[in-house]
Amino acid sequence: MSYVRAMRSVILPQGVRNALPSVVNHTVLLFKNTSLAMVIGVADLTYVTRDIENQTFRTFESYLVATVGYLFFSLLLMGLGALLARRFQRVYAR
């Protein structure tokens, strides 16, 4: 078996299957904790939420929508990671 074929057929599938959960976990952590994204994202989200609250005088509802939106995108990213992990595990489990 040549080097390229061994890498493609044996080593890379095992490496991807083993590394994917860790990569997804780090991607989610980067989304949540990156200082620049956190500062810009939370500042923008808070500013827009505060602006909506000032216009509508509905504090609870505006912050609830902002929280649900942030939670939705976090869970979506985690779900996509789990889907990818399941797909790669099934494809390379042969």
PDB file of N, CA and C in Angstrom:
ATOM      1  N   MET A   1       0.859  -1.168   0.000  1.00  0.00           N
ATOM      2  CA  MET A   1       0.000   0.000   0.000  1.00  0.00           C
ATOM      3  C   MET A   1       0.906   1.231   0.000  1.00  0.00           C
ATOM      4  N   SER A   2       0.628   2.170  -0.881  1.00  0.00           N
ATOM      5  CA  SER A   2       1.461   3.370  -0.966  1.00  0.00           C
ATOM      6  C   SER A   2       1.174   4.295   0.218  1.00  0.00           C
ATOM      7  N   TYR A   3       2.059   5.245   0.400  1.00  0.00           N
ATOM      8  CA  TYR A   3       1.931   6.194   1.507  1.00  0.00           C
ATOM      9  C   TYR A   3       0.635   6.999   1.400  1.00  0.00           C
ATOM     10  N   VAL A   4       0.341   7.510   0.223  1.00  0.00           N
ATOM     11  CA  VAL A   4      -0.863   8.331   0.023  1.00  0.00           C
ATOM     12  C   VAL A   4      -2.119   7.503   0.262  1.00  0.00           C
ATOM     13  N   ARG A   5      -2.138   6.304  -0.261  1.00  0.00           N
ATOM     14  CA  ARG A   5      -3.311   5.443  -0.071  1.00  0.00           C
ATOM     15  C   ARG A   5      -3.481   5.055   1.397  1.00  0.00           C
ATOM     16  N   ALA A   6      -2.398   4.780   2.087  1.00  0.00           N
ATOM     17  CA  ALA A   6      -2.464   4.454   3.511  1.00  0.00           C
ATOM     18  C   ALA A   6      -2.977   5.647   4.310  1.00  0.00           C
ATOM     19  N   MET A   7      -2.500   6.823   3.986  1.00  0.00           N
ATOM     20  CA  MET A   7      -2.978   8.025   4.685  1.00  0.00           C
ATOM     21  C   MET A   7      -4.472   8.224   4.434  1.00  0.00           C
ATOM     22  N   ARG A   8      -4.888   8.088   3.183  1.00  0.00           N
ATOM     23  CA  ARG A   8      -6.285   8.336   2.829  1.00  0.00           C
ATOM     24  C   ARG A   8      -7.215   7.254   3.360  1.00  0.00           C
ATOM     25  N   SER A   9      -6.792   6.036   3.352  1.00  0.00           N
ATOM     26  CA  SER A   9      -7.682   4.930   3.707  1.00  0.00           C
ATOM     27  C   SER A   9      -7.624   4.523   5.174  1.00  0.00           C
ATOM     28  N   VAL A  10      -6.495   4.735   5.832  1.00  0.00           N
ATOM     29  CA  VAL A  10      -6.336   4.220   7.185  1.00  0.00           C
ATOM     30  C   VAL A  10      -6.129   5.329   8.212  1.00  0.00           C
ATOM     31  N   ILE A  11      -5.128   6.133   8.011  1.00  0.00           N
ATOM     32  CA  ILE A  11      -4.704   7.073   9.051  1.00  0.00           C
ATOM     33  C   ILE A  11      -5.656   8.268   9.180  1.00  0.00           C
ATOM     34  N   LEU A  12      -5.971   8.935   8.080  1.00  0.00           N
ATOM     35  CA  LEU A  12      -6.833  10.120   8.152  1.00  0.00           C
ATOM     36  C   LEU A  12      -8.234   9.818   8.677  1.00  0.00           C
ATOM     37  N   PRO A  13      -8.905   8.739   8.257  1.00  0.00           N
ATOM     38  CA  PRO A  13     -10.220   8.462   8.838  1.00  0.00           C
ATOM     39  C   PRO A  13     -10.188   8.276  10.355  1.00  0.00           C
ATOM     40  N   GLN A  14      -9.158   7.590  10.839  1.00  0.00           N
ATOM     41  CA  GLN A  14      -9.038   7.406  12.282  1.00  0.00           C
ATOM     42  C   GLN A  14      -8.729   8.727  12.978  1.00  0.00           C
ATOM     43  N   GLY A  15      -7.867   9.511  12.363  1.00  0.00           N
ATOM     44  CA  GLY A  15      -7.514  10.805  12.944  1.00  0.00           C
ATOM     45  C   GLY A  15      -8.701  11.756  12.993  1.00  0.00           C
ATOM     46  N   VAL A  16      -9.458  11.807  11.913  1.00  0.00           N
ATOM     47  CA  VAL A  16     -10.637  12.679  11.881  1.00  0.00           C
ATOM     48  C   VAL A  16     -11.664  12.228  12.906  1.00  0.00           C
ATOM     49  N   ARG A  17     -11.904  10.932  12.978  1.00  0.00           N
ATOM     50  CA  ARG A  17     -12.883  10.412  13.925  1.00  0.00           C
ATOM     51  C   ARG A  17     -12.477  10.704  15.371  1.00  0.00           C
ATOM     52  N   ASN A  18     -11.199  10.597  15.665  1.00  0.00           N
ATOM     53  CA  ASN A  18     -10.733  10.847  17.029  1.00  0.00           C
ATOM     54  C   ASN A  18     -10.622  12.332  17.357  1.00  0.00           C
ATOM     55  N   ALA A  19     -10.309  13.163  16.379  1.00  0.00           N
ATOM     56  CA  ALA A  19     -10.082  14.580  16.637  1.00  0.00           C
ATOM     57  C   ALA A  19     -11.345  15.425  16.540  1.00  0.00           C
ATOM     58  N   LEU A  20     -12.363  14.947  15.856  1.00  0.00           N
ATOM     59  CA  LEU A  20     -13.546  15.775  15.601  1.00  0.00           C
ATOM     60  C   LEU A  20     -14.259  16.255  16.868  1.00  0.00           C
ATOM     61  N   PRO A  21     -14.504  15.420  17.870  1.00  0.00           N
ATOM     62  CA  PRO A  21     -15.170  15.943  19.075  1.00  0.00           C
ATOM     63  C   PRO A  21     -14.389  17.070  19.750  1.00  0.00           C
ATOM     64  N   SER A  22     -13.089  16.929  19.794  1.00  0.00           N
ATOM     65  CA  SER A  22     -12.260  17.971  20.402  1.00  0.00           C
ATOM     66  C   SER A  22     -12.303  19.266  19.587  1.00  0.00           C
ATOM     67  N   VAL A  23     -12.251  19.143  18.271  1.00  0.00           N
ATOM     68  CA  VAL A  23     -12.300  20.328  17.404  1.00  0.00           C
ATOM     69  C   VAL A  23     -13.641  21.041  17.550  1.00  0.00           C
ATOM     70  N   VAL A  24     -14.724  20.285  17.584  1.00  0.00           N
ATOM     71  CA  VAL A  24     -16.055  20.885  17.754  1.00  0.00           C
ATOM     72  C   VAL A  24     -16.150  21.568  19.109  1.00  0.00           C
ATOM     73  N   ASN A  25     -15.647  20.920  20.149  1.00  0.00           N
ATOM     74  CA  ASN A  25     -15.677  21.512  21.480  1.00  0.00           C
ATOM     75  C   ASN A  25     -14.904  22.828  21.511  1.00  0.00           C
ATOM     76  N   HIS A  26     -13.733  22.852  20.916  1.00  0.00           N
ATOM     77  CA  HIS A  26     -12.946  24.084  20.884  1.00  0.00           C
ATOM     78  C   HIS A  26     -13.618  25.162  20.033  1.00  0.00           C
ATOM     79  N   THR A  27     -14.292  24.771  18.973  1.00  0.00           N
ATOM     80  CA  THR A  27     -15.006  25.750  18.152  1.00  0.00           C
ATOM     81  C   THR A  27     -16.128  26.406  18.948  1.00  0.00           C
ATOM     82  N   VAL A  28     -16.866  25.612  19.698  1.00  0.00           N
ATOM     83  CA  VAL A  28     -17.931  26.165  20.530  1.00  0.00           C
ATOM     84  C   VAL A  28     -17.346  27.082  21.600  1.00  0.00           C
ATOM     85  N   LEU A  29     -16.260  26.668  22.217  1.00  0.00           N
ATOM     86  CA  LEU A  29     -15.620  27.515  23.228  1.00  0.00           C
ATOM     87  C   LEU A  29     -15.105  28.816  22.623  1.00  0.00           C
ATOM     88  N   LEU A  30     -14.552  28.737  21.416  1.00  0.00           N
ATOM     89  CA  LEU A  30     -14.113  29.964  20.750  1.00  0.00           C
ATOM     90  C   LEU A  30     -15.285  30.892  20.467  1.00  0.00           C
ATOM     91  N   PHE A  31     -16.394  30.317  20.040  1.00  0.00           N
ATOM     92  CA  PHE A  31     -17.593  31.113  19.772  1.00  0.00           C
ATOM     93  C   PHE A  31     -18.060  31.826  21.038  1.00  0.00           C
ATOM     94  N   LYS A  32     -18.004  31.127  22.156  1.00  0.00           N
ATOM     95  CA  LYS A  32     -18.510  31.686  23.398  1.00  0.00           C
ATOM     96  C   LYS A  32     -17.506  32.593  24.098  1.00  0.00           C
ATOM     97  N   ASN A  33     -16.216  32.274  24.016  1.00  0.00           N
ATOM     98  CA  ASN A  33     -15.247  32.928  24.885  1.00  0.00           C
ATOM     99  C   ASN A  33     -14.189  33.780  24.204  1.00  0.00           C
ATOM    100  N   THR A  34     -14.164  33.843  22.909  1.00  0.00           N
ATOM    101  CA  THR A  34     -13.173  34.683  22.261  1.00  0.00           C
ATOM    102  C   THR A  34     -13.392  36.119  22.694  1.00  0.00           C
ATOM    103  N   SER A  35     -12.356  36.726  23.176  1.00  0.00           N
ATOM    104  CA  SER A  35     -12.510  38.050  23.785  1.00  0.00           C
ATOM    105  C   SER A  35     -13.054  39.072  22.791  1.00  0.00           C
ATOM    106  N   LEU A  36     -12.537  39.082  21.580  1.00  0.00           N
ATOM    107  CA  LEU A  36     -13.012  40.057  20.608  1.00  0.00           C
ATOM    108  C   LEU A  36     -14.461  39.792  20.226  1.00  0.00           C
ATOM    109  N   ALA A  37     -14.768  38.549  19.907  1.00  0.00           N
ATOM    110  CA  ALA A  37     -16.145  38.211  19.541  1.00  0.00           C
ATOM    111  C   ALA A  37     -17.078  38.414  20.718  1.00  0.00           C
ATOM    112  N   MET A  38     -16.608  38.082  21.909  1.00  0.00           N
ATOM    113  CA  MET A  38     -17.433  38.242  23.103  1.00  0.00           C
ATOM    114  C   MET A  38     -17.733  39.723  23.347  1.00  0.00           C
ATOM    115  N   VAL A  39     -16.700  40.543  23.270  1.00  0.00           N
ATOM    116  CA  VAL A  39     -16.885  41.974  23.523  1.00  0.00           C
ATOM    117  C   VAL A  39     -17.779  42.594  22.460  1.00  0.00           C
ATOM    118  N   ILE A  40     -17.481  42.317  21.202  1.00  0.00           N
ATOM    119  CA  ILE A  40     -18.275  42.907  20.122  1.00  0.00           C
ATOM    120  C   ILE A  40     -19.680  42.327  20.121  1.00  0.00           C
ATOM    121  N   GLY A  41     -19.779  40.997  20.198  1.00  0.00           N
ATOM    122  CA  GLY A  41     -21.085  40.347  20.142  1.00  0.00           C
ATOM    123  C   GLY A  41     -21.982  40.717  21.304  1.00  0.00           C
ATOM    124  N   VAL A  42     -21.458  40.647  22.514  1.00  0.00           N
ATOM    125  CA  VAL A  42     -22.267  40.966  23.687  1.00  0.00           C
ATOM    126  C   VAL A  42     -22.583  42.451  23.728  1.00  0.00           C
ATOM    127  N   ALA A  43     -21.616  43.290  23.367  1.00  0.00           N
ATOM    128  CA  ALA A  43     -21.879  44.733  23.352  1.00  0.00           C
ATOM    129  C   ALA A  43     -22.953  45.078  22.329  1.00  0.00           C
ATOM    130  N   ASP A  44     -22.845  44.520  21.134  1.00  0.00           N
ATOM    131  CA  ASP A  44     -23.858  44.767  20.110  1.00  0.00           C
ATOM    132  C   ASP A  44     -25.216  44.219  20.529  1.00  0.00           C
ATOM    133  N   LEU A  45     -25.215  43.002  21.031  1.00  0.00           N
ATOM    134  CA  LEU A  45     -26.463  42.381  21.461  1.00  0.00           C
ATOM    135  C   LEU A  45     -27.109  43.182  22.590  1.00  0.00           C
ATOM    136  N   THR A  46     -26.305  43.600  23.552  1.00  0.00           N
ATOM    137  CA  THR A  46     -26.830  44.388  24.668  1.00  0.00           C
ATOM    138  C   THR A  46     -27.311  45.761  24.207  1.00  0.00           C
ATOM    139  N   TYR A  47     -26.553  46.388  23.309  1.00  0.00           N
ATOM    140  CA  TYR A  47     -26.951  47.704  22.810  1.00  0.00           C
ATOM    141  C   TYR A  47     -28.275  47.630  22.061  1.00  0.00           C
ATOM    142  N   VAL A  48     -28.386  46.661  21.180  1.00  0.00           N
ATOM    143  CA  VAL A  48     -29.623  46.527  20.404  1.00  0.00           C
ATOM    144  C   VAL A  48     -30.787  46.179  21.324  1.00  0.00           C
ATOM    145  N   THR A  49     -30.537  45.299  22.277  1.00  0.00           N
ATOM    146  CA  THR A  49     -31.588  44.916  23.217  1.00  0.00           C
ATOM    147  C   THR A  49     -32.014  46.113  24.059  1.00  0.00           C
ATOM    148  N   ARG A  50     -31.052  46.889  24.514  1.00  0.00           N
ATOM    149  CA  ARG A  50     -31.374  48.079  25.297  1.00  0.00           C
ATOM    150  C   ARG A  50     -32.140  49.104  24.456  1.00  0.00           C
ATOM    151  N   ASP A  51     -31.758  49.236  23.195  1.00  0.00           N
ATOM    152  CA  ASP A  51     -32.447  50.161  22.295  1.00  0.00           C
ATOM    153  C   ASP A  51     -33.897  49.724  22.079  1.00  0.00           C
ATOM    154  N   ILE A  52     -34.102  48.434  21.854  1.00  0.00           N
ATOM    155  CA  ILE A  52     -35.467  47.920  21.691  1.00  0.00           C
ATOM    156  C   ILE A  52     -36.257  48.112  22.977  1.00  0.00           C
ATOM    157  N   GLU A  53     -35.602  47.850  24.096  1.00  0.00           N
ATOM    158  CA  GLU A  53     -36.285  48.027  25.384  1.00  0.00           C
ATOM    159  C   GLU A  53     -36.686  49.486  25.606  1.00  0.00           C
ATOM    160  N   ASN A  54     -35.827  50.417  25.233  1.00  0.00           N
ATOM    161  CA  ASN A  54     -36.143  51.839  25.389  1.00  0.00           C
ATOM    162  C   ASN A  54     -37.296  52.282  24.487  1.00  0.00           C
ATOM    163  N   GLN A  55     -37.423  51.648  23.339  1.00  0.00           N
ATOM    164  CA  GLN A  55     -38.495  52.022  22.431  1.00  0.00           C
ATOM    165  C   GLN A  55     -39.826  51.380  22.808  1.00  0.00           C
ATOM    166  N   THR A  56     -39.770  50.158  23.339  1.00  0.00           N
ATOM    167  CA  THR A  56     -41.018  49.432  23.610  1.00  0.00           C
ATOM    168  C   THR A  56     -41.384  49.360  25.092  1.00  0.00           C
ATOM    169  N   PHE A  57     -40.442  49.663  25.982  1.00  0.00           N
ATOM    170  CA  PHE A  57     -40.634  49.566  27.437  1.00  0.00           C
ATOM    171  C   PHE A  57     -40.988  48.140  27.861  1.00  0.00           C
ATOM    172  N   ARG A  58     -40.465  47.162  27.154  1.00  0.00           N
ATOM    173  CA  ARG A  58     -40.677  45.754  27.493  1.00  0.00           C
ATOM    174  C   ARG A  58     -39.315  45.137  27.804  1.00  0.00           C
ATOM    175  N   THR A  59     -38.893  45.299  29.033  1.00  0.00           N
ATOM    176  CA  THR A  59     -37.562  44.857  29.438  1.00  0.00           C
ATOM    177  C   THR A  59     -37.432  43.347  29.370  1.00  0.00           C
ATOM    178  N   PHE A  60     -38.324  42.642  30.038  1.00  0.00           N
ATOM    179  CA  PHE A  60     -38.217  41.192  30.130  1.00  0.00           C
ATOM    180  C   PHE A  60     -38.276  40.546  28.756  1.00  0.00           C
ATOM    181  N   GLU A  61     -39.207  40.979  27.931  1.00  0.00           N
ATOM    182  CA  GLU A  61     -39.384  40.356  26.621  1.00  0.00           C
ATOM    183  C   GLU A  61     -38.172  40.581  25.717  1.00  0.00           C
ATOM    184  N   SER A  62     -37.614  41.787  25.728  1.00  0.00           N
ATOM    185  CA  SER A  62     -36.484  42.067  24.842  1.00  0.00           C
ATOM    186  C   SER A  62     -35.236  41.291  25.260  1.00  0.00           C
ATOM    187  N   TYR A  63     -34.975  41.211  26.560  1.00  0.00           N
ATOM    188  CA  TYR A  63     -33.820  40.434  27.003  1.00  0.00           C
ATOM    189  C   TYR A  63     -34.063  38.930  26.846  1.00  0.00           C
ATOM    190  N   LEU A  64     -35.295  38.496  26.963  1.00  0.00           N
ATOM    191  CA  LEU A  64     -35.613  37.090  26.738  1.00  0.00           C
ATOM    192  C   LEU A  64     -35.344  36.699  25.285  1.00  0.00           C
ATOM    193  N   VAL A  65     -35.740  37.541  24.355  1.00  0.00           N
ATOM    194  CA  VAL A  65     -35.499  37.260  22.938  1.00  0.00           C
ATOM    195  C   VAL A  65     -33.997  37.241  22.650  1.00  0.00           C
ATOM    196  N   ALA A  66     -33.254  38.177  23.230  1.00  0.00           N
ATOM    197  CA  ALA A  66     -31.800  38.198  23.027  1.00  0.00           C
ATOM    198  C   ALA A  66     -31.149  36.944  23.589  1.00  0.00           C
ATOM    199  N   THR A  67     -31.578  36.520  24.763  1.00  0.00           N
ATOM    200  CA  THR A  67     -31.022  35.318  25.386  1.00  0.00           C
ATOM    201  C   THR A  67     -31.357  34.071  24.579  1.00  0.00           C
ATOM    202  N   VAL A  68     -32.597  33.969  24.138  1.00  0.00           N
ATOM    203  CA  VAL A  68     -33.007  32.808  23.343  1.00  0.00           C
ATOM    204  C   VAL A  68     -32.241  32.778  22.015  1.00  0.00           C
ATOM    205  N   GLY A  69     -32.023  33.930  21.407  1.00  0.00           N
ATOM    206  CA  GLY A  69     -31.253  33.979  20.161  1.00  0.00           C
ATOM    207  C   GLY A  69     -29.823  33.514  20.353  1.00  0.00           C
ATOM    208  N   TYR A  70     -29.169  33.981  21.413  1.00  0.00           N
ATOM    209  CA  TYR A  70     -27.796  33.561  21.696  1.00  0.00           C
ATOM    210  C   TYR A  70     -27.750  32.068  21.995  1.00  0.00           C
ATOM    211  N   LEU A  71     -28.697  31.592  22.778  1.00  0.00           N
ATOM    212  CA  LEU A  71     -28.763  30.176  23.111  1.00  0.00           C
ATOM    213  C   LEU A  71     -29.018  29.336  21.860  1.00  0.00           C
ATOM    214  N   PHE A  72     -29.878  29.822  20.972  1.00  0.00           N
ATOM    215  CA  PHE A  72     -30.176  29.115  19.731  1.00  0.00           C
ATOM    216  C   PHE A  72     -28.916  28.915  18.895  1.00  0.00           C
ATOM    217  N   PHE A  73     -28.135  29.983  18.713  1.00  0.00           N
ATOM    218  CA  PHE A  73     -26.934  29.868  17.898  1.00  0.00           C
ATOM    219  C   PHE A  73     -25.882  28.988  18.555  1.00  0.00           C
ATOM    220  N   SER A  74     -25.777  29.029  19.871  1.00  0.00           N
ATOM    221  CA  SER A  74     -24.833  28.146  20.567  1.00  0.00           C
ATOM    222  C   SER A  74     -25.242  26.687  20.406  1.00  0.00           C
ATOM    223  N   LEU A  75     -26.519  26.405  20.610  1.00  0.00           N
ATOM    224  CA  LEU A  75     -26.993  25.025  20.477  1.00  0.00           C
ATOM    225  C   LEU A  75     -26.939  24.551  19.031  1.00  0.00           C
ATOM    226  N   LEU A  76     -27.184  25.449  18.083  1.00  0.00           N
ATOM    227  CA  LEU A  76     -27.080  25.097  16.675  1.00  0.00           C
ATOM    228  C   LEU A  76     -25.658  24.682  16.326  1.00  0.00           C
ATOM    229  N   LEU A  77     -24.692  25.438  16.809  1.00  0.00           N
ATOM    230  CA  LEU A  77     -23.292  25.112  16.550  1.00  0.00           C
ATOM    231  C   LEU A  77     -22.927  23.776  17.179  1.00  0.00           C
ATOM    232  N   MET A  78     -23.371  23.529  18.394  1.00  0.00           N
ATOM    233  CA  MET A  78     -23.100  22.255  19.057  1.00  0.00           C
ATOM    234  C   MET A  78     -23.805  21.100  18.336  1.00  0.00           C
ATOM    235  N   GLY A  79     -25.023  21.325  17.879  1.00  0.00           N
ATOM    236  CA  GLY A  79     -25.755  20.286  17.149  1.00  0.00           C
ATOM    237  C   GLY A  79     -25.097  19.938  15.834  1.00  0.00           C
ATOM    238  N   LEU A  80     -24.623  20.956  15.122  1.00  0.00           N
ATOM    239  CA  LEU A  80     -23.918  20.685  13.867  1.00  0.00           C
ATOM    240  C   LEU A  80     -22.653  19.889  14.123  1.00  0.00           C
ATOM    241  N   GLY A  81     -21.970  20.200  15.208  1.00  0.00           N
ATOM    242  CA  GLY A  81     -20.778  19.437  15.564  1.00  0.00           C
ATOM    243  C   GLY A  81     -21.106  17.993  15.878  1.00  0.00           C
ATOM    244  N   ALA A  82     -22.181  17.759  16.621  1.00  0.00           N
ATOM    245  CA  ALA A  82     -22.585  16.395  16.948  1.00  0.00           C
ATOM    246  C   ALA A  82     -23.004  15.641  15.687  1.00  0.00           C
ATOM    247  N   LEU A  83     -23.690  16.320  14.777  1.00  0.00           N
ATOM    248  CA  LEU A  83     -24.088  15.703  13.519  1.00  0.00           C
ATOM    249  C   LEU A  83     -22.870  15.312  12.688  1.00  0.00           C
ATOM    250  N   LEU A  84     -21.900  16.207  12.616  1.00  0.00           N
ATOM    251  CA  LEU A  84     -20.669  15.888  11.893  1.00  0.00           C
ATOM    252  C   LEU A  84     -19.940  14.714  12.534  1.00  0.00           C
ATOM    253  N   ALA A  85     -19.879  14.701  13.855  1.00  0.00           N
ATOM    254  CA  ALA A  85     -19.194  13.609  14.553  1.00  0.00           C
ATOM    255  C   ALA A  85     -19.893  12.285  14.277  1.00  0.00           C
ATOM    256  N   ARG A  86     -21.218  12.280  14.326  1.00  0.00           N
ATOM    257  CA  ARG A  86     -21.971  11.064  14.044  1.00  0.00           C
ATOM    258  C   ARG A  86     -21.760  10.614  12.601  1.00  0.00           C
ATOM    259  N   ARG A  87     -21.756  11.552  11.685  1.00  0.00           N
ATOM    260  CA  ARG A  87     -21.588  11.222  10.269  1.00  0.00           C
ATOM    261  C   ARG A  87     -20.213  10.637  10.010  1.00  0.00           C
ATOM    262  N   PHE A  88     -19.177  11.269  10.568  1.00  0.00           N
ATOM    263  CA  PHE A  88     -17.826  10.754  10.357  1.00  0.00           C
ATOM    264  C   PHE A  88     -17.627   9.412  11.042  1.00  0.00           C
ATOM    265  N   GLN A  89     -18.248   9.201  12.174  1.00  0.00           N
ATOM    266  CA  GLN A  89     -18.103   7.944  12.867  1.00  0.00           C
ATOM    267  C   GLN A  89     -18.754   6.823  12.067  1.00  0.00           C
ATOM    268  N   ARG A  90     -19.907   7.102  11.469  1.00  0.00           N
ATOM    269  CA  ARG A  90     -20.621   6.097  10.679  1.00  0.00           C
ATOM    270  C   ARG A  90     -19.890   5.803   9.375  1.00  0.00           C
ATOM    271  N   VAL A  91     -19.350   6.841   8.730  1.00  0.00           N
ATOM    272  CA  VAL A  91     -18.684   6.652   7.447  1.00  0.00           C
ATOM    273  C   VAL A  91     -17.397   5.862   7.628  1.00  0.00           C
ATOM    274  N   TYR A  92     -16.631   6.182   8.662  1.00  0.00           N
ATOM    275  CA  TYR A  92     -15.328   5.553   8.841  1.00  0.00           C
ATOM    276  C   TYR A  92     -15.358   4.351   9.765  1.00  0.00           C
ATOM    277  N   ALA A  93     -16.535   3.908  10.183  1.00  0.00           N
ATOM    278  CA  ALA A  93     -16.622   2.757  11.076  1.00  0.00           C
ATOM    279  C   ALA A  93     -16.510   1.442  10.317  1.00  0.00           C
ATOM    280  N   ARG A  94     -16.494   1.482   9.038  1.00  0.00           N
ATOM    281  CA  ARG A  94     -16.442   0.264   8.224  1.00  0.00           C
ATOM    282  C   ARG A  94     -15.196  -0.510   8.423  1.00  0.00           C
TER     283      ARG A  94
END
